[in-house]
Amino acid sequence: MEKLIFVVDDSPTVRSSISFCLNNAGYKVTEAKDGKDALEKLANVKEEGQIPSLIVTDVNMPRMDGIAFIKKVKEGDFRFLPILVLTTESEESMIEKGRAAGASGWLVKPFQPEQFLWAIKKLVWTIDE
């Protein structure tokens, strides 16, 4: 069964690049344009009885940023779901905010596909295998 990964980023180009990389590695992808959009899509997936394996999210997004989104996810039914932050933010204070919110990992854009897929495999493995 394909593992479902949510990709949350306000840039259509970045979402497309991440999705391409994940699809080629055999993952199923659902895209969302910001935290609010992602929460709505997570609720729909839950109603359909699906369980995502991982969320990849940006930090800087309109309507609901990545940190607020992570906090909301960690309050709900998907609180044990690993979340990888993929962002341009590299300051230690921001990384600490992400960890405090519940992020499982942090990568800085632009990403190397090999490094990105290694992180994905490590985080997906922690709950699925």
N, C-alpha and C. Protein backbone atom coordinates (compact mmCIF):
# COMPACT_ATOMS: atom_id res chain seq x y z
N MET A 1 0.83 -1.19 0.00
CA MET A 1 0.00 0.00 0.00
C MET A 1 0.88 1.25 0.00
N GLU A 2 0.54 2.18 -0.86
CA GLU A 2 1.30 3.43 -0.93
C GLU A 2 1.15 4.21 0.36
N LYS A 3 2.24 4.81 0.77
CA LYS A 3 2.21 5.65 1.96
C LYS A 3 1.84 7.07 1.54
N LEU A 4 0.90 7.67 2.27
CA LEU A 4 0.40 9.01 1.95
C LEU A 4 1.19 10.07 2.72
N ILE A 5 1.67 11.06 1.98
CA ILE A 5 2.39 12.17 2.59
C ILE A 5 1.70 13.48 2.22
N PHE A 6 1.45 14.30 3.22
CA PHE A 6 0.88 15.64 3.00
C PHE A 6 2.02 16.62 2.78
N VAL A 7 1.90 17.45 1.74
CA VAL A 7 2.87 18.49 1.44
C VAL A 7 2.16 19.83 1.58
N VAL A 8 2.64 20.67 2.51
CA VAL A 8 1.99 21.94 2.81
C VAL A 8 2.97 23.07 2.54
N ASP A 9 2.71 23.86 1.49
CA ASP A 9 3.58 24.98 1.12
C ASP A 9 2.77 25.94 0.27
N ASP A 10 2.97 27.24 0.48
CA ASP A 10 2.21 28.22 -0.28
C ASP A 10 2.73 28.41 -1.70
N SER A 11 3.90 27.90 -2.01
CA SER A 11 4.46 28.03 -3.35
C SER A 11 4.07 26.83 -4.22
N PRO A 12 3.31 27.06 -5.29
CA PRO A 12 2.95 25.96 -6.18
C PRO A 12 4.19 25.27 -6.78
N THR A 13 5.22 26.03 -7.04
CA THR A 13 6.45 25.47 -7.61
C THR A 13 7.12 24.53 -6.62
N VAL A 14 7.21 24.94 -5.36
CA VAL A 14 7.83 24.10 -4.34
C VAL A 14 6.98 22.84 -4.11
N ARG A 15 5.65 23.01 -4.01
CA ARG A 15 4.77 21.84 -3.85
C ARG A 15 4.97 20.85 -4.98
N SER A 16 5.04 21.38 -6.18
CA SER A 16 5.22 20.53 -7.36
C SER A 16 6.56 19.79 -7.32
N SER A 17 7.63 20.48 -6.93
CA SER A 17 8.96 19.86 -6.85
C SER A 17 8.99 18.75 -5.80
N ILE A 18 8.42 19.04 -4.64
CA ILE A 18 8.39 18.05 -3.56
C ILE A 18 7.54 16.85 -3.98
N SER A 19 6.37 17.12 -4.55
CA SER A 19 5.48 16.05 -4.98
C SER A 19 6.14 15.17 -6.04
N PHE A 20 6.82 15.79 -6.98
CA PHE A 20 7.53 15.04 -8.03
C PHE A 20 8.55 14.10 -7.41
N CYS A 21 9.33 14.62 -6.49
CA CYS A 21 10.36 13.83 -5.80
C CYS A 21 9.72 12.66 -5.04
N LEU A 22 8.65 12.92 -4.31
CA LEU A 22 7.98 11.88 -3.51
C LEU A 22 7.27 10.86 -4.39
N ASN A 23 6.59 11.32 -5.45
CA ASN A 23 5.91 10.39 -6.36
C ASN A 23 6.90 9.44 -7.01
N ASN A 24 8.04 9.98 -7.43
CA ASN A 24 9.07 9.14 -8.06
C ASN A 24 9.64 8.12 -7.08
N ALA A 25 9.55 8.41 -5.78
CA ALA A 25 10.05 7.49 -4.76
C ALA A 25 8.96 6.50 -4.31
N GLY A 26 7.76 6.60 -4.92
CA GLY A 26 6.71 5.64 -4.64
C GLY A 26 5.68 6.06 -3.59
N TYR A 27 5.71 7.33 -3.20
CA TYR A 27 4.74 7.81 -2.21
C TYR A 27 3.53 8.44 -2.91
N LYS A 28 2.40 8.39 -2.24
CA LYS A 28 1.20 9.11 -2.67
C LYS A 28 1.24 10.47 -1.98
N VAL A 29 0.85 11.52 -2.69
CA VAL A 29 0.97 12.87 -2.14
C VAL A 29 -0.36 13.61 -2.19
N THR A 30 -0.68 14.31 -1.11
CA THR A 30 -1.77 15.28 -1.09
C THR A 30 -1.15 16.63 -0.81
N GLU A 31 -1.50 17.62 -1.62
CA GLU A 31 -0.93 18.96 -1.47
C GLU A 31 -1.92 19.91 -0.81
N ALA A 32 -1.38 20.85 -0.03
CA ALA A 32 -2.18 21.91 0.58
C ALA A 32 -1.39 23.21 0.48
N LYS A 33 -2.10 24.34 0.32
CA LYS A 33 -1.43 25.62 0.09
C LYS A 33 -1.09 26.41 1.35
N ASP A 34 -1.61 25.98 2.49
CA ASP A 34 -1.29 26.62 3.78
C ASP A 34 -1.84 25.74 4.90
N GLY A 35 -1.62 26.15 6.13
CA GLY A 35 -2.05 25.35 7.27
C GLY A 35 -3.54 25.10 7.33
N LYS A 36 -4.35 26.12 7.04
CA LYS A 36 -5.81 25.95 7.10
C LYS A 36 -6.28 24.97 6.04
N ASP A 37 -5.75 25.10 4.84
CA ASP A 37 -6.09 24.18 3.76
C ASP A 37 -5.71 22.75 4.15
N ALA A 38 -4.55 22.60 4.75
CA ALA A 38 -4.08 21.28 5.17
C ALA A 38 -4.97 20.68 6.25
N LEU A 39 -5.40 21.48 7.22
CA LEU A 39 -6.28 20.97 8.27
C LEU A 39 -7.60 20.47 7.68
N GLU A 40 -8.14 21.20 6.70
CA GLU A 40 -9.38 20.78 6.04
C GLU A 40 -9.17 19.45 5.31
N LYS A 41 -8.04 19.34 4.60
CA LYS A 41 -7.77 18.11 3.85
C LYS A 41 -7.47 16.94 4.78
N LEU A 42 -6.83 17.20 5.91
CA LEU A 42 -6.60 16.14 6.90
C LEU A 42 -7.93 15.62 7.45
N ALA A 43 -8.87 16.53 7.69
CA ALA A 43 -10.19 16.13 8.18
C ALA A 43 -10.89 15.26 7.14
N ASN A 44 -10.78 15.61 5.87
CA ASN A 44 -11.39 14.81 4.80
C ASN A 44 -10.78 13.42 4.72
N VAL A 45 -9.46 13.36 4.83
CA VAL A 45 -8.75 12.08 4.78
C VAL A 45 -9.18 11.19 5.94
N LYS A 46 -9.33 11.81 7.12
CA LYS A 46 -9.76 11.05 8.30
C LYS A 46 -11.15 10.47 8.08
N GLU A 47 -12.06 11.27 7.51
CA GLU A 47 -13.42 10.80 7.23
C GLU A 47 -13.41 9.62 6.26
N GLU A 48 -12.44 9.60 5.35
CA GLU A 48 -12.33 8.52 4.37
C GLU A 48 -11.62 7.30 4.95
N GLY A 49 -11.18 7.41 6.20
CA GLY A 49 -10.53 6.29 6.86
C GLY A 49 -9.06 6.11 6.50
N GLN A 50 -8.45 7.13 5.90
CA GLN A 50 -7.04 7.06 5.55
C GLN A 50 -6.20 7.66 6.68
N ILE A 51 -4.98 7.17 6.80
CA ILE A 51 -4.05 7.72 7.78
C ILE A 51 -2.77 8.11 7.05
N PRO A 52 -2.45 9.40 7.04
CA PRO A 52 -1.20 9.81 6.40
C PRO A 52 -0.01 9.24 7.17
N SER A 53 1.10 9.08 6.47
CA SER A 53 2.33 8.58 7.10
C SER A 53 3.21 9.72 7.59
N LEU A 54 3.04 10.91 7.01
CA LEU A 54 3.94 12.03 7.30
C LEU A 54 3.37 13.31 6.75
N ILE A 55 3.74 14.43 7.37
CA ILE A 55 3.44 15.76 6.84
C ILE A 55 4.76 16.47 6.60
N VAL A 56 4.88 17.12 5.44
CA VAL A 56 6.02 17.99 5.15
C VAL A 56 5.44 19.39 5.05
N THR A 57 5.92 20.33 5.87
CA THR A 57 5.35 21.67 5.86
C THR A 57 6.40 22.77 5.83
N ASP A 58 6.03 23.86 5.21
CA ASP A 58 6.82 25.09 5.23
C ASP A 58 6.47 25.84 6.52
N VAL A 59 7.22 26.88 6.83
CA VAL A 59 6.91 27.70 8.00
C VAL A 59 6.16 28.95 7.59
N ASN A 60 6.69 29.68 6.62
CA ASN A 60 6.12 30.98 6.23
C ASN A 60 5.03 30.81 5.18
N MET A 61 3.77 30.89 5.64
CA MET A 61 2.62 30.74 4.76
C MET A 61 1.51 31.68 5.21
N PRO A 62 0.64 32.09 4.27
CA PRO A 62 -0.49 32.95 4.66
C PRO A 62 -1.57 32.14 5.40
N ARG A 63 -2.51 32.84 5.98
CA ARG A 63 -3.66 32.27 6.71
C ARG A 63 -3.27 31.50 7.96
N MET A 64 -2.39 30.50 7.85
CA MET A 64 -1.90 29.78 9.03
C MET A 64 -0.48 29.32 8.73
N ASP A 65 0.47 29.83 9.53
CA ASP A 65 1.87 29.46 9.29
C ASP A 65 2.16 28.05 9.77
N GLY A 66 3.35 27.57 9.45
CA GLY A 66 3.71 26.20 9.76
C GLY A 66 3.76 25.86 11.23
N ILE A 67 4.21 26.80 12.06
CA ILE A 67 4.30 26.55 13.50
C ILE A 67 2.89 26.39 14.09
N ALA A 68 1.98 27.30 13.73
CA ALA A 68 0.59 27.21 14.21
C ALA A 68 -0.06 25.92 13.69
N PHE A 69 0.23 25.56 12.45
CA PHE A 69 -0.30 24.34 11.87
C PHE A 69 0.18 23.10 12.63
N ILE A 70 1.46 23.05 12.93
CA ILE A 70 2.01 21.90 13.68
C ILE A 70 1.32 21.79 15.03
N LYS A 71 1.17 22.91 15.72
CA LYS A 71 0.50 22.90 17.03
C LYS A 71 -0.91 22.34 16.92
N LYS A 72 -1.66 22.76 15.89
CA LYS A 72 -3.03 22.28 15.70
C LYS A 72 -3.05 20.78 15.42
N VAL A 73 -2.13 20.31 14.58
CA VAL A 73 -2.08 18.87 14.28
C VAL A 73 -1.80 18.09 15.55
N LYS A 74 -0.88 18.59 16.38
CA LYS A 74 -0.48 17.88 17.59
C LYS A 74 -1.57 17.89 18.66
N GLU A 75 -2.59 18.73 18.51
CA GLU A 75 -3.73 18.77 19.44
C GLU A 75 -4.82 17.76 19.05
N GLY A 76 -4.77 17.26 17.82
CA GLY A 76 -5.87 16.45 17.30
C GLY A 76 -5.57 14.98 17.16
N ASP A 77 -6.35 14.35 16.30
CA ASP A 77 -6.27 12.90 16.08
C ASP A 77 -4.95 12.45 15.46
N PHE A 78 -4.26 13.35 14.79
CA PHE A 78 -3.00 13.00 14.15
C PHE A 78 -1.79 13.46 14.96
N ARG A 79 -1.94 13.56 16.27
CA ARG A 79 -0.88 14.09 17.13
C ARG A 79 0.41 13.27 17.10
N PHE A 80 0.32 11.98 16.74
CA PHE A 80 1.52 11.14 16.71
C PHE A 80 2.17 11.10 15.32
N LEU A 81 1.57 11.79 14.38
CA LEU A 81 2.08 11.82 13.01
C LEU A 81 3.38 12.62 12.95
N PRO A 82 4.44 12.06 12.35
CA PRO A 82 5.68 12.84 12.24
C PRO A 82 5.51 14.00 11.26
N ILE A 83 6.15 15.11 11.59
CA ILE A 83 6.08 16.31 10.75
C ILE A 83 7.49 16.79 10.46
N LEU A 84 7.80 16.88 9.17
CA LEU A 84 9.10 17.39 8.71
C LEU A 84 8.90 18.82 8.22
N VAL A 85 9.68 19.74 8.77
CA VAL A 85 9.62 21.13 8.32
C VAL A 85 10.65 21.31 7.22
N LEU A 86 10.20 21.85 6.09
CA LEU A 86 11.07 22.15 4.95
C LEU A 86 10.87 23.62 4.64
N THR A 87 11.87 24.45 4.98
CA THR A 87 11.70 25.89 4.96
C THR A 87 13.01 26.61 4.65
N THR A 88 12.92 27.90 4.39
CA THR A 88 14.12 28.73 4.22
C THR A 88 14.64 29.19 5.57
N GLU A 89 13.85 29.02 6.61
CA GLU A 89 14.25 29.44 7.96
C GLU A 89 15.34 28.54 8.51
N SER A 90 16.45 29.15 8.94
CA SER A 90 17.54 28.33 9.48
C SER A 90 18.05 28.82 10.84
N GLU A 91 17.41 29.86 11.38
CA GLU A 91 17.84 30.37 12.68
C GLU A 91 17.48 29.39 13.78
N GLU A 92 18.38 29.22 14.72
CA GLU A 92 18.18 28.26 15.82
C GLU A 92 16.91 28.56 16.61
N SER A 93 16.58 29.83 16.78
CA SER A 93 15.37 30.18 17.54
C SER A 93 14.11 29.67 16.84
N MET A 94 14.09 29.73 15.51
CA MET A 94 12.93 29.24 14.76
C MET A 94 12.87 27.71 14.81
N ILE A 95 14.02 27.07 14.72
CA ILE A 95 14.07 25.61 14.81
C ILE A 95 13.56 25.16 16.18
N GLU A 96 13.93 25.88 17.22
CA GLU A 96 13.45 25.57 18.58
C GLU A 96 11.93 25.74 18.68
N LYS A 97 11.39 26.77 18.03
CA LYS A 97 9.93 26.95 18.01
C LYS A 97 9.26 25.75 17.35
N GLY A 98 9.87 25.28 16.27
CA GLY A 98 9.33 24.12 15.56
C GLY A 98 9.37 22.87 16.43
N ARG A 99 10.49 22.66 17.09
CA ARG A 99 10.61 21.49 17.99
C ARG A 99 9.58 21.56 19.11
N ALA A 100 9.45 22.76 19.69
CA ALA A 100 8.50 22.95 20.79
C ALA A 100 7.07 22.69 20.32
N ALA A 101 6.78 23.03 19.07
CA ALA A 101 5.44 22.82 18.53
C ALA A 101 5.18 21.34 18.25
N GLY A 102 6.26 20.58 18.00
CA GLY A 102 6.10 19.15 17.75
C GLY A 102 6.71 18.65 16.46
N ALA A 103 7.53 19.47 15.79
CA ALA A 103 8.18 19.03 14.55
C ALA A 103 9.14 17.87 14.83
N SER A 104 9.16 16.90 13.94
CA SER A 104 10.03 15.74 14.08
C SER A 104 11.39 15.94 13.42
N GLY A 105 11.45 16.85 12.45
CA GLY A 105 12.69 17.12 11.74
C GLY A 105 12.63 18.48 11.05
N TRP A 106 13.81 18.96 10.60
CA TRP A 106 13.90 20.29 10.01
C TRP A 106 14.94 20.27 8.91
N LEU A 107 14.52 20.61 7.69
CA LEU A 107 15.44 20.75 6.56
C LEU A 107 15.30 22.15 5.98
N VAL A 108 16.41 22.68 5.49
CA VAL A 108 16.42 24.03 4.93
C VAL A 108 16.42 23.95 3.40
N LYS A 109 15.56 24.77 2.79
CA LYS A 109 15.50 24.89 1.33
C LYS A 109 16.70 25.70 0.85
N PRO A 110 17.17 25.48 -0.35
CA PRO A 110 16.76 24.42 -1.26
C PRO A 110 17.27 23.08 -0.76
N PHE A 111 16.53 22.02 -1.07
CA PHE A 111 16.89 20.70 -0.55
C PHE A 111 17.55 19.85 -1.64
N GLN A 112 18.37 18.92 -1.18
CA GLN A 112 18.93 17.91 -2.07
C GLN A 112 17.98 16.72 -2.04
N PRO A 113 17.50 16.24 -3.18
CA PRO A 113 16.54 15.14 -3.18
C PRO A 113 16.98 13.92 -2.37
N GLU A 114 18.26 13.57 -2.44
CA GLU A 114 18.74 12.39 -1.70
C GLU A 114 18.60 12.60 -0.19
N GLN A 115 19.01 13.77 0.27
CA GLN A 115 18.92 14.09 1.70
C GLN A 115 17.45 14.15 2.13
N PHE A 116 16.62 14.75 1.31
CA PHE A 116 15.19 14.88 1.60
C PHE A 116 14.55 13.49 1.71
N LEU A 117 14.80 12.62 0.73
CA LEU A 117 14.21 11.28 0.75
C LEU A 117 14.74 10.44 1.90
N TRP A 118 16.00 10.63 2.28
CA TRP A 118 16.55 9.93 3.43
C TRP A 118 15.76 10.32 4.69
N ALA A 119 15.51 11.63 4.86
CA ALA A 119 14.76 12.11 6.03
C ALA A 119 13.33 11.57 5.99
N ILE A 120 12.72 11.57 4.83
CA ILE A 120 11.35 11.04 4.68
C ILE A 120 11.32 9.58 5.10
N LYS A 121 12.24 8.79 4.57
CA LYS A 121 12.26 7.36 4.88
C LYS A 121 12.44 7.12 6.38
N LYS A 122 13.31 7.88 7.01
CA LYS A 122 13.54 7.73 8.45
C LYS A 122 12.28 8.05 9.25
N LEU A 123 11.58 9.11 8.89
CA LEU A 123 10.40 9.52 9.64
C LEU A 123 9.20 8.62 9.36
N VAL A 124 9.02 8.21 8.12
CA VAL A 124 7.92 7.31 7.78
C VAL A 124 8.14 5.96 8.45
N TRP A 125 9.36 5.48 8.46
CA TRP A 125 9.68 4.20 9.08
C TRP A 125 9.31 4.17 10.55
N THR A 126 9.48 5.28 11.25
CA THR A 126 9.25 5.30 12.69
C THR A 126 7.82 4.92 13.07
N ILE A 127 6.86 5.14 12.18
CA ILE A 127 5.48 4.80 12.55
C ILE A 127 4.92 3.63 11.74
N ASP A 128 5.50 3.32 10.60
CA ASP A 128 4.88 2.33 9.71
C ASP A 128 5.55 0.97 9.71
N GLU A 129 6.78 0.85 10.21
CA GLU A 129 7.46 -0.44 10.07
C GLU A 129 7.91 -1.00 11.38
